[in-house]
Amino acid sequence: MKNRVKNSLRNRFEYLVNEYGAYTAALILSGFLTLITFSLIALLMFAACRQNRTDTPSGDGGNGVPAIKDTVHVAHYIRPEIPQMMTAPEQRAAYYVKHYWDGYSLADTAFIHSDDTEQLYADFLNALQYVDATEYRSALQSMMSRMEADSTAYAHFCTLGEKYLYDPNSPMRNEDYYIPVLEQMLASARLTEPDKLRPADRLKQALKNRPGMKAPDFSYVTPKGKQARMSGITADYTLLFFYDPDCTNCRKYEQILSEMPAFVEMQEKGVLRVLAVYPDEDEEEWLLKSSQMPRGWIVGWNKQGDIRSKTLYEIRATPTMYLLDKQKKVILKDASLEQTIQYLSAVYPGPIE
């Protein structure tokens, strides 16, 4: 094979010499070899760039500030550079969230609606956990104010706020973060007065039953017909469990909680009482399945219907859980199962897990 290549090159060179002369043939061959050399160098540089991009780490950017994924093109987003003089983690995190959206481009509608933008939004929410309430409120409102420069961007970020911070199925649902977003929406000139009706109602509900507030009292009826009030329950902690008899998630939560020995022990010792309340109208369905509820739970039906009609508690999905203290003040509002277990694990000497 090697000899054939050499013979071929020699024959080609002899042809060029006979056709164009030795000097011209040498120039042609030299140019050909130079072209091959540059092509090889270009290929090697391309391979090196590909390797560097592959080796770029993702995840935490250091000092508690998450890194931005490399899929976002520099023309559309430039990550904020934290000044080197800032060394304290909390100071670096505060600068990072404050300037997070400074390098975000509003020029490309497709990019605004892209998965990259949604990933940037999720990463931003994750970064907020490293700053205090004053900082995250300011950062969220600054984000929305920045998007006001473009109607498409503003509308999309309003939608992202609803999807990530309000939707009951969102793992990042967070009322503390959603409140400053709603406040900015109500102050925005981008929204008409009719457009503000829904965020105004959501803000009203978000500001209800905040941790530390007294939980609204209500009446309920037990399966045996006994009438009682939530305020009459005596315990260090009361778990309000708003449910539906046909709710699959409700049954899952009921099973998990009823199989935790320490959770059951808290009930047996009177430290914790669980009040499972059906807030809707189908009394027959509620009665039919009331016997299936976990042992030791107080099972009731809000016959008066004021939980729904007066929106005493906003129940957007079932189950909805509130943890109250001895004075019936809210400790956890619309809490997840994980939040509830984590809190009770911290206050009770026995493990809840």
Protein backbone atom coordinates (compact mmCIF):
# COMPACT_ATOMS: atom_id res chain seq x y z
CA MET A 1 0.00 0.00 0.00
CA LYS A 2 2.81 2.38 0.98
CA ASN A 3 4.73 1.63 -2.27
CA ARG A 4 1.61 2.22 -4.35
CA VAL A 5 1.12 5.67 -2.80
CA LYS A 6 4.78 6.56 -3.43
CA ASN A 7 4.60 5.36 -7.05
CA SER A 8 1.39 7.31 -7.60
CA LEU A 9 2.91 10.54 -6.24
CA ARG A 10 6.09 10.04 -8.32
CA ASN A 11 4.07 9.44 -11.49
CA ARG A 12 1.93 12.51 -10.77
CA PHE A 13 5.03 14.67 -10.20
CA GLU A 14 6.71 13.41 -13.42
CA TYR A 15 3.51 14.27 -15.30
CA LEU A 16 3.50 17.82 -13.91
CA VAL A 17 7.21 18.27 -14.76
CA ASN A 18 6.64 17.14 -18.35
CA GLU A 19 3.49 19.26 -18.67
CA TYR A 20 4.50 22.51 -16.89
CA GLY A 21 8.22 22.32 -16.21
CA ALA A 22 10.13 21.53 -13.03
CA TYR A 23 9.75 24.95 -11.36
CA THR A 24 5.97 25.20 -11.85
CA ALA A 25 5.49 21.57 -10.84
CA ALA A 26 7.38 22.22 -7.60
CA LEU A 27 5.16 25.24 -6.82
CA ILE A 28 1.99 23.22 -7.42
CA LEU A 29 3.18 20.34 -5.23
CA SER A 30 4.26 22.76 -2.47
CA GLY A 31 0.86 24.47 -2.47
CA PHE A 32 -0.88 21.11 -2.32
CA LEU A 33 1.19 20.00 0.69
CA THR A 34 0.59 23.35 2.45
CA LEU A 35 -3.18 22.96 1.99
CA ILE A 36 -3.08 19.47 3.50
CA THR A 37 -1.05 20.76 6.48
CA PHE A 38 -3.53 23.59 7.25
CA SER A 39 -6.46 21.18 6.95
CA LEU A 40 -4.89 18.84 9.50
CA ILE A 41 -4.24 21.73 11.93
CA ALA A 42 -7.86 22.91 11.62
CA LEU A 43 -9.16 19.40 12.34
CA LEU A 44 -6.94 19.10 15.42
CA MET A 45 -8.12 22.49 16.76
CA PHE A 46 -11.77 21.54 16.22
CA ALA A 47 -11.25 18.24 18.07
CA ALA A 48 -9.59 20.07 20.98
CA CYS A 49 -12.49 22.53 21.28
CA ARG A 50 -14.97 19.67 21.29
CA GLN A 51 -13.00 17.95 24.03
CA ASN A 52 -12.87 21.11 26.17
CA ARG A 53 -16.61 21.60 25.87
CA THR A 54 -17.25 18.00 26.85
CA ASP A 55 -14.95 18.29 29.85
CA THR A 56 -16.54 21.52 31.17
CA PRO A 57 -18.07 20.70 34.59
CA SER A 58 -21.69 21.47 35.41
CA GLY A 59 -23.46 21.86 38.72
CA ASP A 60 -22.30 24.07 41.57
CA GLY A 61 -20.24 27.09 40.61
CA GLY A 62 -18.64 27.40 44.04
CA ASN A 63 -19.58 29.25 47.23
CA GLY A 64 -23.14 27.98 47.11
CA VAL A 65 -23.91 29.54 43.73
CA PRO A 66 -25.10 27.04 41.07
CA ALA A 67 -23.44 27.13 37.66
CA ILE A 68 -25.34 27.87 34.45
CA LYS A 69 -25.49 25.04 31.95
CA ASP A 70 -23.20 25.43 28.92
CA THR A 71 -26.07 24.90 26.49
CA VAL A 72 -27.04 28.59 26.73
CA HIS A 73 -25.35 30.49 23.93
CA VAL A 74 -23.37 33.56 24.97
CA ALA A 75 -25.34 35.70 22.51
CA HIS A 76 -28.52 35.02 24.48
CA TYR A 77 -27.29 34.85 28.07
CA ILE A 78 -24.15 35.93 29.91
CA ARG A 79 -23.71 34.64 33.42
CA PRO A 80 -23.01 37.34 36.04
CA GLU A 81 -19.37 37.53 37.11
CA ILE A 82 -19.05 37.91 40.86
CA PRO A 83 -16.32 40.43 41.83
CA GLN A 84 -13.26 38.71 43.27
CA MET A 85 -13.26 41.08 46.25
CA MET A 86 -16.48 39.41 47.44
CA THR A 87 -15.43 36.40 49.49
CA ALA A 88 -18.31 35.79 51.92
CA PRO A 89 -20.72 33.17 50.50
CA GLU A 90 -23.83 35.15 51.46
CA GLN A 91 -22.42 38.29 49.81
CA ARG A 92 -21.56 36.39 46.63
CA ALA A 93 -24.98 34.75 46.50
CA ALA A 94 -26.74 38.10 46.98
CA TYR A 95 -24.75 39.66 44.11
CA TYR A 96 -25.41 36.63 41.92
CA VAL A 97 -29.22 36.66 42.23
CA LYS A 98 -29.35 40.46 42.00
CA HIS A 99 -27.53 40.47 38.64
CA TYR A 100 -28.70 37.08 37.37
CA TRP A 101 -30.88 38.47 34.58
CA ASP A 102 -28.63 41.37 33.52
CA GLY A 103 -27.12 39.30 30.71
CA TYR A 104 -30.41 37.89 29.45
CA SER A 105 -31.27 38.88 25.87
CA LEU A 106 -34.81 40.01 25.02
CA ALA A 107 -34.08 40.21 21.29
CA ASP A 108 -35.02 36.66 20.29
CA THR A 109 -38.62 35.55 20.81
CA ALA A 110 -37.72 31.92 20.12
CA PHE A 111 -35.09 32.01 22.87
CA ILE A 112 -37.55 33.57 25.33
CA HIS A 113 -39.88 30.60 24.81
CA SER A 114 -37.07 28.03 24.68
CA ASP A 115 -36.17 25.27 27.11
CA ASP A 116 -32.95 27.19 27.84
CA THR A 117 -34.94 30.08 29.31
CA GLU A 118 -37.01 27.68 31.39
CA GLN A 119 -33.83 26.06 32.70
CA LEU A 120 -32.42 29.49 33.55
CA TYR A 121 -35.61 30.25 35.47
CA ALA A 122 -35.43 26.99 37.44
CA ASP A 123 -31.72 27.56 38.21
CA PHE A 124 -32.53 31.08 39.41
CA LEU A 125 -35.17 29.78 41.82
CA ASN A 126 -32.68 27.25 43.12
CA ALA A 127 -30.12 30.00 43.76
CA LEU A 128 -32.62 31.99 45.87
CA GLN A 129 -32.30 29.49 48.71
CA TYR A 130 -28.84 30.92 49.46
CA VAL A 131 -30.10 34.45 50.24
CA ASP A 132 -32.39 35.93 52.88
CA ALA A 133 -35.98 37.08 52.39
CA THR A 134 -35.07 40.70 51.65
CA GLU A 135 -32.66 39.62 48.90
CA TYR A 136 -34.93 37.09 47.21
CA ARG A 137 -37.90 39.43 47.23
CA SER A 138 -35.81 42.14 45.58
CA ALA A 139 -34.32 39.69 43.05
CA LEU A 140 -37.73 38.33 42.02
CA GLN A 141 -39.24 41.77 41.56
CA SER A 142 -36.16 42.97 39.65
CA MET A 143 -36.49 39.97 37.34
CA MET A 144 -40.09 40.84 36.53
CA SER A 145 -39.27 44.53 36.08
CA ARG A 146 -36.46 43.61 33.67
CA MET A 147 -38.87 41.53 31.57
CA GLU A 148 -41.30 44.45 31.33
CA ALA A 149 -39.08 45.88 28.58
CA ASP A 150 -40.57 43.28 26.22
CA SER A 151 -44.24 42.25 26.16
CA THR A 152 -43.46 38.70 25.02
CA ALA A 153 -40.89 38.17 27.74
CA TYR A 154 -43.14 39.62 30.43
CA ALA A 155 -46.10 37.44 29.47
CA HIS A 156 -43.91 34.35 29.40
CA PHE A 157 -42.34 35.07 32.79
CA CYS A 158 -45.79 35.56 34.28
CA THR A 159 -46.62 32.10 32.97
CA LEU A 160 -43.39 30.63 34.34
CA GLY A 161 -44.20 32.08 37.75
CA GLU A 162 -47.57 30.36 37.73
CA LYS A 163 -46.10 27.07 36.52
CA TYR A 164 -43.19 26.87 38.96
CA LEU A 165 -44.39 28.78 42.03
CA TYR A 166 -48.17 28.32 42.09
CA ASP A 167 -49.12 25.04 40.38
CA PRO A 168 -49.87 22.50 43.15
CA ASN A 169 -48.04 19.80 41.18
CA SER A 170 -44.82 21.80 40.88
CA PRO A 171 -41.95 20.47 43.04
CA MET A 172 -40.68 24.08 43.25
CA ARG A 173 -44.00 25.52 44.43
CA ASN A 174 -43.24 28.34 46.83
CA GLU A 175 -45.69 30.93 48.09
CA ASP A 176 -42.92 33.04 49.64
CA TYR A 177 -41.40 33.48 46.17
CA TYR A 178 -44.72 33.91 44.39
CA ILE A 179 -45.90 36.82 46.57
CA PRO A 180 -43.29 39.35 45.31
CA VAL A 181 -43.98 38.21 41.72
CA LEU A 182 -47.71 38.84 42.19
CA GLU A 183 -47.04 42.22 43.83
CA GLN A 184 -44.95 43.28 40.85
CA MET A 185 -47.64 42.11 38.41
CA LEU A 186 -50.25 44.23 40.16
CA ALA A 187 -47.98 47.28 39.88
CA SER A 188 -47.04 46.64 36.25
CA ALA A 189 -48.17 48.87 33.40
CA ARG A 190 -47.96 45.83 31.10
CA LEU A 191 -51.18 44.37 32.53
CA THR A 192 -54.64 45.87 32.13
CA GLU A 193 -57.01 46.06 35.06
CA PRO A 194 -58.93 42.95 33.90
CA ASP A 195 -55.58 41.15 33.55
CA LYS A 196 -54.84 41.94 37.20
CA LEU A 197 -57.98 40.34 38.61
CA ARG A 198 -56.53 36.84 38.82
CA PRO A 199 -53.14 37.82 40.32
CA ALA A 200 -55.00 40.08 42.79
CA ASP A 201 -57.11 37.14 43.97
CA ARG A 202 -54.06 34.90 44.18
CA LEU A 203 -52.20 37.47 46.25
CA LYS A 204 -55.19 37.77 48.57
CA GLN A 205 -55.18 34.02 49.14
CA ALA A 206 -51.39 33.88 49.48
CA LEU A 207 -51.50 36.46 52.26
CA LYS A 208 -54.10 34.42 54.17
CA ASN A 209 -53.13 31.89 56.83
CA ARG A 210 -49.45 32.77 56.74
CA PRO A 211 -47.21 31.06 59.32
CA GLY A 212 -47.79 32.71 62.68
CA MET A 213 -51.40 33.70 61.88
CA LYS A 214 -54.38 32.23 63.72
CA ALA A 215 -56.02 29.52 61.60
CA PRO A 216 -59.70 30.17 60.77
CA ASP A 217 -62.08 28.10 62.87
CA PHE A 218 -64.79 25.93 61.29
CA SER A 219 -67.32 23.30 62.27
CA TYR A 220 -67.48 19.67 61.19
CA VAL A 221 -69.69 16.63 61.62
CA THR A 222 -68.32 13.16 62.42
CA PRO A 223 -69.63 9.97 60.75
CA LYS A 224 -71.71 9.32 63.92
CA GLY A 225 -73.38 12.72 63.59
CA LYS A 226 -71.50 14.51 66.36
CA GLN A 227 -70.90 18.21 65.70
CA ALA A 228 -67.65 19.84 66.77
CA ARG A 229 -65.29 22.69 65.97
CA MET A 230 -61.66 22.64 64.96
CA SER A 231 -60.80 25.04 67.80
CA GLY A 232 -62.01 22.45 70.30
CA ILE A 233 -59.19 20.02 69.54
CA THR A 234 -56.66 19.88 72.37
CA ALA A 235 -53.09 18.95 71.41
CA ASP A 236 -49.65 20.47 71.04
CA TYR A 237 -49.99 20.09 67.27
CA THR A 238 -53.00 19.73 64.99
CA LEU A 239 -52.63 18.48 61.44
CA LEU A 240 -55.48 19.60 59.18
CA PHE A 241 -55.81 17.08 56.38
CA PHE A 242 -58.26 18.32 53.71
CA TYR A 243 -59.08 15.35 51.50
CA ASP A 244 -61.46 13.76 49.02
CA PRO A 245 -62.73 10.16 49.43
CA ASP A 246 -61.77 9.33 45.82
CA CYS A 247 -58.34 10.99 45.90
CA THR A 248 -55.51 8.56 45.10
CA ASN A 249 -52.83 10.83 46.57
CA CYS A 250 -54.87 11.17 49.75
CA ARG A 251 -54.88 7.41 50.28
CA LYS A 252 -51.12 7.32 49.62
CA TYR A 253 -50.48 10.01 52.25
CA GLU A 254 -52.82 8.33 54.71
CA GLN A 255 -50.94 5.04 54.37
CA ILE A 256 -47.51 6.62 54.74
CA LEU A 257 -48.46 8.58 57.87
CA SER A 258 -50.36 5.71 59.49
CA GLU A 259 -47.35 3.38 59.06
CA MET A 260 -44.88 5.68 60.81
CA PRO A 261 -44.51 4.39 64.40
CA ALA A 262 -43.42 7.71 65.88
CA PHE A 263 -46.25 9.56 64.10
CA VAL A 264 -48.74 7.09 65.59
CA GLU A 265 -47.04 7.41 68.98
CA MET A 266 -47.47 11.19 68.91
CA GLN A 267 -51.20 10.69 68.42
CA GLU A 268 -51.47 8.09 71.17
CA LYS A 269 -49.71 10.42 73.61
CA GLY A 270 -51.95 13.35 72.66
CA VAL A 271 -49.05 15.38 71.29
CA LEU A 272 -50.60 15.40 67.81
CA ARG A 273 -54.17 15.15 66.54
CA VAL A 274 -55.05 14.68 62.89
CA LEU A 275 -58.31 16.19 61.70
CA ALA A 276 -59.22 14.80 58.28
CA VAL A 277 -61.85 17.09 56.77
CA TYR A 278 -63.94 16.57 53.65
CA PRO A 279 -64.81 20.11 52.45
CA ASP A 280 -67.23 19.30 49.60
CA GLU A 281 -70.90 18.30 49.23
CA ASP A 282 -71.14 14.56 48.59
CA GLU A 283 -72.12 13.40 52.08
CA GLU A 284 -73.07 9.92 50.91
CA GLU A 285 -69.66 9.25 49.33
CA TRP A 286 -67.91 10.64 52.42
CA LEU A 287 -69.91 8.45 54.79
CA LEU A 288 -69.39 5.38 52.65
CA LYS A 289 -65.61 5.64 52.82
CA SER A 290 -65.13 7.28 56.20
CA SER A 291 -64.45 3.91 57.86
CA GLN A 292 -61.37 3.47 55.65
CA MET A 293 -59.54 6.38 57.26
CA PRO A 294 -56.54 5.61 59.52
CA ARG A 295 -57.19 4.62 63.11
CA GLY A 296 -56.89 7.49 65.57
CA TRP A 297 -57.69 10.22 63.07
CA ILE A 298 -60.65 12.53 63.63
CA VAL A 299 -62.79 12.26 60.50
CA GLY A 300 -65.17 15.11 59.73
CA TRP A 301 -67.31 16.69 57.05
CA ASN A 302 -67.62 20.46 56.74
CA LYS A 303 -71.40 20.30 56.42
CA GLN A 304 -71.75 24.06 56.62
CA GLY A 305 -69.59 24.40 53.50
CA ASP A 306 -67.88 27.60 54.60
CA ILE A 307 -64.38 26.22 54.00
CA ARG A 308 -65.15 26.42 50.28
CA SER A 309 -67.74 29.20 50.12
CA LYS A 310 -65.72 31.65 52.23
CA THR A 311 -62.34 30.29 51.10
CA LEU A 312 -61.29 29.88 54.72
CA TYR A 313 -58.51 27.67 53.38
CA GLU A 314 -57.44 27.62 49.74
CA ILE A 315 -57.63 24.00 48.61
CA ARG A 316 -56.29 23.77 45.06
CA ALA A 317 -55.49 20.07 45.22
CA THR A 318 -56.04 17.21 47.64
CA PRO A 319 -54.68 16.45 50.03
CA THR A 320 -53.93 19.92 51.39
CA MET A 321 -52.23 19.96 54.79
CA TYR A 322 -51.82 22.62 57.45
CA LEU A 323 -49.85 22.10 60.64
CA LEU A 324 -51.06 24.17 63.62
CA ASP A 325 -49.58 24.74 67.06
CA LYS A 326 -51.33 24.51 70.44
CA GLN A 327 -52.92 27.96 70.01
CA LYS A 328 -54.10 26.98 66.49
CA LYS A 329 -51.60 29.27 64.83
CA VAL A 330 -50.27 28.19 61.46
CA ILE A 331 -46.85 26.55 61.49
CA LEU A 332 -46.91 25.09 57.96
CA LYS A 333 -49.30 26.25 55.26
CA ASP A 334 -50.28 23.97 52.38
CA ALA A 335 -47.31 21.82 53.34
CA SER A 336 -45.87 18.89 51.46
CA LEU A 337 -45.61 15.50 53.10
CA GLU A 338 -41.82 15.92 53.31
CA GLN A 339 -42.10 19.32 55.03
CA THR A 340 -44.57 17.96 57.56
CA ILE A 341 -42.45 14.93 58.43
CA GLN A 342 -39.30 17.05 58.62
CA TYR A 343 -40.86 19.53 61.04
CA LEU A 344 -42.35 16.89 63.34
CA SER A 345 -39.05 15.02 63.31
CA ALA A 346 -37.34 18.16 64.62
CA VAL A 347 -39.79 18.79 67.48
CA TYR A 348 -40.43 15.22 68.59
CA PRO A 349 -37.64 13.22 70.28
CA GLY A 350 -38.52 9.99 68.48
CA PRO A 351 -37.78 9.62 64.74
CA ILE A 352 -40.77 10.27 62.47
CA GLU A 353 -39.22 8.60 59.45
